[in-house]
Amino acid sequence: MRGWLSAWKGNLPSVLSGLYVQFVLLLGSVGLASTERTSVELATIMNCSQHERHTGNYDYMEGGDVRVRQLFSRTQWFLTVDDTGRIGGTQDPTNCYSILEIRTVSEGGVLAIKGVKSQYYISMSHSGVLQGKKIYSESCNFKEIFLENYFNAYSSMKWTRQNGKQMFLALSQKGRPLKGRKTRKENISSHFIPLKCKGEPIVE
C-alpha cells in the first residue's frame, strides 16, 4: 500500500501537468464551451438534464455506469439528437438536445449514447450513416477511445469499413454528421471532449 502511494505521489507532477494541458486545450479550442456560463444558461442545462430521464430501455444493461454529458467536438459543435432522431450539432450550449446519457454497456469502454430529451439512441448503419433509434440494438454500441491530445473518439463496435478500419462518430466543420467511411481517428471531426452539464471539463 505504501509503495502504491509513493508511486502515485511520484507521478503527481505528470498528472497535474496533464490536467493543465487539457485545461489549456479546452480554453484554446473550446471557446463556446466556456465554464463562465451565466446563471440562466446553467439553469436551462440543469432543467434539460432532468427532463424525461427514463431508464426502462436500459434493462439490458442494468447496473452499467451512467454519465450525463455534452459531447463538444473539436470542430466547435455540441453533438445533438433531436425529436426525430436526427444527429447534428449546435453551438448553443443550452440546447436541450445536446444533453446525452452515456451508459457503459460492457467492459473495455463500450458505450451506448442516448439523447436525454429525445430518448433516441445514437446508432451507425453498416454504411456509416449516423441516425437515432428508439430501440437499442448492437448498432448503438460505440467504443470510447482516449486520445493523446486529451480528446476522445467514438468508433462503431458493430460496423467497419470494407478495409476493416474503424468508423467514427464525427461532426464536420459545419456541424453535420459525417458518414463513418469518411472518418479517421486522426481527424479533428472525430475528436470530442465530454463536458459535465455545468460545463466542467472531464478527465476520464
Protein backbone atom coordinates (compact mmCIF):
# COMPACT_ATOMS: atom_id res chain seq x y z
CA MET A 1 0.00 0.00 0.00
CA ARG A 2 2.81 2.39 0.94
CA GLY A 3 4.60 1.54 -2.27
CA TRP A 4 1.49 2.39 -4.29
CA LEU A 5 1.06 5.72 -2.50
CA SER A 6 4.72 6.58 -3.10
CA ALA A 7 4.38 5.75 -6.78
CA TRP A 8 1.22 7.83 -7.03
CA LYS A 9 2.88 10.81 -5.34
CA GLY A 10 5.84 10.41 -7.65
CA ASN A 11 3.54 10.62 -10.66
CA LEU A 12 1.59 13.56 -9.27
CA PRO A 13 3.57 16.24 -11.19
CA SER A 14 2.93 14.47 -14.50
CA VAL A 15 -0.76 14.02 -13.66
CA LEU A 16 -1.11 17.69 -12.79
CA SER A 17 0.79 18.61 -15.93
CA GLY A 18 -1.62 16.55 -18.00
CA LEU A 19 -4.58 18.24 -16.36
CA TYR A 20 -3.05 21.65 -17.06
CA VAL A 21 -2.51 20.77 -20.71
CA GLN A 22 -6.12 19.65 -21.02
CA PHE A 23 -7.29 22.87 -19.41
CA VAL A 24 -5.24 24.94 -21.85
CA LEU A 25 -6.56 22.91 -24.80
CA LEU A 26 -10.08 23.40 -23.57
CA LEU A 27 -9.70 27.17 -23.28
CA GLY A 28 -7.95 27.40 -26.63
CA SER A 29 -10.22 25.25 -28.78
CA VAL A 30 -13.50 25.15 -26.85
CA GLY A 31 -14.36 28.79 -26.51
CA LEU A 32 -18.05 28.07 -26.96
CA ALA A 33 -17.98 25.61 -24.07
CA SER A 34 -16.67 28.16 -21.59
CA THR A 35 -17.20 27.34 -17.94
CA GLU A 36 -18.13 31.01 -17.42
CA ARG A 37 -21.78 30.34 -18.18
CA THR A 38 -24.50 32.62 -16.94
CA SER A 39 -26.92 31.55 -14.24
CA VAL A 40 -29.68 31.41 -16.88
CA GLU A 41 -27.61 29.05 -19.06
CA LEU A 42 -26.81 26.79 -16.11
CA ALA A 43 -30.46 26.66 -15.07
CA THR A 44 -31.54 25.79 -18.61
CA ILE A 45 -28.98 23.00 -18.88
CA MET A 46 -29.85 21.55 -15.49
CA ASN A 47 -33.55 21.55 -16.44
CA CYS A 48 -32.67 19.75 -19.65
CA SER A 49 -30.63 17.11 -17.87
CA GLN A 50 -33.56 16.31 -15.61
CA HIS A 51 -36.05 16.08 -18.48
CA GLU A 52 -37.62 12.66 -19.14
CA ARG A 53 -34.74 10.61 -17.76
CA HIS A 54 -36.41 7.23 -18.28
CA THR A 55 -34.42 4.07 -17.69
CA GLY A 56 -36.82 1.40 -18.88
CA ASN A 57 -34.96 0.88 -22.16
CA TYR A 58 -31.76 0.19 -20.25
CA ASP A 59 -32.90 -3.10 -18.70
CA TYR A 60 -30.49 -4.97 -20.98
CA MET A 61 -27.52 -3.44 -19.15
CA GLU A 62 -28.78 -2.93 -15.61
CA GLY A 63 -26.04 -1.65 -13.34
CA GLY A 64 -23.97 -0.04 -16.09
CA ASP A 65 -22.16 3.19 -15.25
CA VAL A 66 -24.21 6.24 -16.35
CA ARG A 67 -22.89 9.71 -17.17
CA VAL A 68 -24.93 12.71 -18.26
CA ARG A 69 -22.70 14.77 -20.55
CA GLN A 70 -22.46 17.06 -23.52
CA LEU A 71 -20.05 15.96 -26.25
CA PHE A 72 -18.23 19.01 -27.59
CA SER A 73 -16.49 18.45 -30.91
CA ARG A 74 -13.09 19.81 -31.77
CA THR A 75 -14.88 21.38 -34.77
CA GLN A 76 -16.68 23.60 -32.21
CA TRP A 77 -20.13 21.93 -32.11
CA PHE A 78 -22.15 20.23 -29.39
CA LEU A 79 -23.47 16.86 -30.58
CA THR A 80 -27.30 16.74 -30.64
CA VAL A 81 -30.06 14.15 -31.10
CA ASP A 82 -33.43 15.77 -31.85
CA ASP A 83 -37.01 14.53 -31.52
CA THR A 84 -36.94 12.97 -34.99
CA GLY A 85 -33.73 11.05 -34.28
CA ARG A 86 -31.63 13.35 -36.47
CA ILE A 87 -28.00 13.65 -35.41
CA GLY A 88 -26.41 17.08 -35.72
CA GLY A 89 -24.56 19.85 -33.98
CA THR A 90 -25.40 23.09 -32.21
CA GLN A 91 -23.30 25.99 -31.00
CA ASP A 92 -25.84 26.80 -28.29
CA PRO A 93 -24.51 25.34 -25.02
CA THR A 94 -28.02 25.40 -23.52
CA ASN A 95 -29.67 23.36 -26.30
CA CYS A 96 -31.58 20.56 -24.56
CA TYR A 97 -30.90 18.13 -27.39
CA SER A 98 -27.17 18.28 -26.59
CA ILE A 99 -27.68 16.63 -23.19
CA LEU A 100 -26.69 12.98 -23.57
CA GLU A 101 -26.91 9.95 -21.34
CA ILE A 102 -23.81 7.82 -21.80
CA ARG A 103 -24.03 4.35 -20.31
CA THR A 104 -21.43 1.61 -20.13
CA VAL A 105 -22.61 -1.47 -22.00
CA SER A 106 -19.65 -3.74 -21.32
CA GLU A 107 -16.01 -3.66 -20.23
CA GLY A 108 -13.41 -2.11 -22.46
CA GLY A 109 -15.12 1.25 -22.92
CA VAL A 110 -18.17 0.04 -24.86
CA LEU A 111 -20.93 2.65 -24.54
CA ALA A 112 -24.49 3.46 -25.61
CA ILE A 113 -25.25 7.16 -26.13
CA LYS A 114 -28.81 8.42 -25.79
CA GLY A 115 -30.42 11.85 -26.05
CA VAL A 116 -31.99 12.73 -22.70
CA LYS A 117 -34.76 14.87 -24.21
CA SER A 118 -35.41 12.96 -27.45
CA GLN A 119 -34.91 9.46 -25.97
CA TYR A 120 -33.18 8.37 -29.18
CA TYR A 121 -30.01 6.28 -29.13
CA ILE A 122 -27.20 7.25 -31.49
CA SER A 123 -26.55 4.40 -33.91
CA MET A 124 -24.46 3.80 -37.01
CA SER A 125 -25.62 1.83 -40.03
CA HIS A 126 -23.45 -0.65 -41.95
CA SER A 127 -22.75 2.14 -44.50
CA GLY A 128 -21.61 4.51 -41.73
CA VAL A 129 -24.70 6.72 -41.56
CA LEU A 130 -25.45 8.16 -38.11
CA GLN A 131 -29.08 8.03 -37.05
CA GLY A 132 -31.26 7.92 -33.97
CA LYS A 133 -33.05 4.76 -32.85
CA LYS A 134 -35.78 4.45 -30.25
CA ILE A 135 -34.94 0.81 -29.56
CA TYR A 136 -31.43 -0.21 -28.56
CA SER A 137 -29.51 -2.60 -30.79
CA GLU A 138 -25.87 -3.55 -31.31
CA SER A 139 -25.54 -0.76 -33.86
CA CYS A 140 -25.86 1.67 -30.92
CA ASN A 141 -22.62 0.45 -29.33
CA PHE A 142 -19.55 2.67 -29.56
CA LYS A 143 -16.02 2.18 -28.28
CA GLU A 144 -14.67 5.15 -26.32
CA ILE A 145 -11.04 5.78 -27.24
CA PHE A 146 -8.85 8.13 -25.21
CA LEU A 147 -6.54 10.11 -27.47
CA GLU A 148 -3.12 11.54 -26.67
CA ASN A 149 -4.42 15.10 -27.17
CA TYR A 150 -6.90 14.63 -24.27
CA PHE A 151 -9.88 14.34 -26.60
CA ASN A 152 -11.98 11.18 -27.02
CA ALA A 153 -13.07 9.34 -30.16
CA TYR A 154 -16.07 7.01 -30.51
CA SER A 155 -15.93 4.16 -33.02
CA SER A 156 -18.73 1.81 -34.03
CA MET A 157 -18.42 -1.58 -32.35
CA LYS A 158 -20.57 -3.36 -34.93
CA TRP A 159 -19.52 -1.89 -38.26
CA THR A 160 -16.22 -1.21 -40.00
CA ARG A 161 -15.25 0.00 -43.46
CA GLN A 162 -14.65 -2.59 -46.19
CA ASN A 163 -10.93 -2.50 -45.43
CA GLY A 164 -11.65 -3.36 -41.80
CA LYS A 165 -10.79 0.11 -40.46
CA GLN A 166 -12.92 1.74 -37.79
CA MET A 167 -15.76 4.17 -38.46
CA PHE A 168 -16.16 7.06 -36.05
CA LEU A 169 -18.80 9.38 -34.68
CA ALA A 170 -17.90 12.75 -36.24
CA LEU A 171 -19.18 16.26 -36.87
CA SER A 172 -17.98 18.36 -39.80
CA GLN A 173 -16.85 21.98 -39.63
CA LYS A 174 -20.48 22.88 -40.41
CA GLY A 175 -21.87 20.75 -37.58
CA ARG A 176 -23.15 17.98 -39.83
CA PRO A 177 -22.67 14.27 -39.11
CA LEU A 178 -20.07 12.61 -41.32
CA LYS A 179 -20.50 9.15 -42.81
CA GLY A 180 -18.32 6.68 -41.00
CA ARG A 181 -16.41 5.66 -44.11
CA LYS A 182 -15.15 9.24 -44.42
CA THR A 183 -13.85 9.43 -40.87
CA ARG A 184 -10.44 8.79 -39.38
CA LYS A 185 -9.30 8.72 -35.78
CA GLU A 186 -6.73 11.38 -36.59
CA ASN A 187 -9.31 13.85 -37.99
CA ILE A 188 -10.44 16.63 -35.65
CA SER A 189 -14.05 15.96 -36.70
CA SER A 190 -13.81 12.69 -34.74
CA HIS A 191 -12.47 14.33 -31.57
CA PHE A 192 -14.79 15.16 -28.66
CA ILE A 193 -14.47 16.40 -25.10
CA PRO A 194 -17.15 15.13 -22.66
CA LEU A 195 -18.43 18.05 -20.59
CA LYS A 196 -20.48 17.95 -17.45
CA CYS A 197 -23.79 19.73 -17.85
CA LYS A 198 -22.44 22.67 -15.89
CA GLY A 199 -19.58 22.97 -18.38
CA GLU A 200 -16.66 21.47 -16.49
CA PRO A 201 -14.04 19.52 -18.47
CA ILE A 202 -13.97 15.80 -17.66
CA VAL A 203 -10.84 13.78 -17.10
CA GLU A 204 -11.80 10.14 -17.56
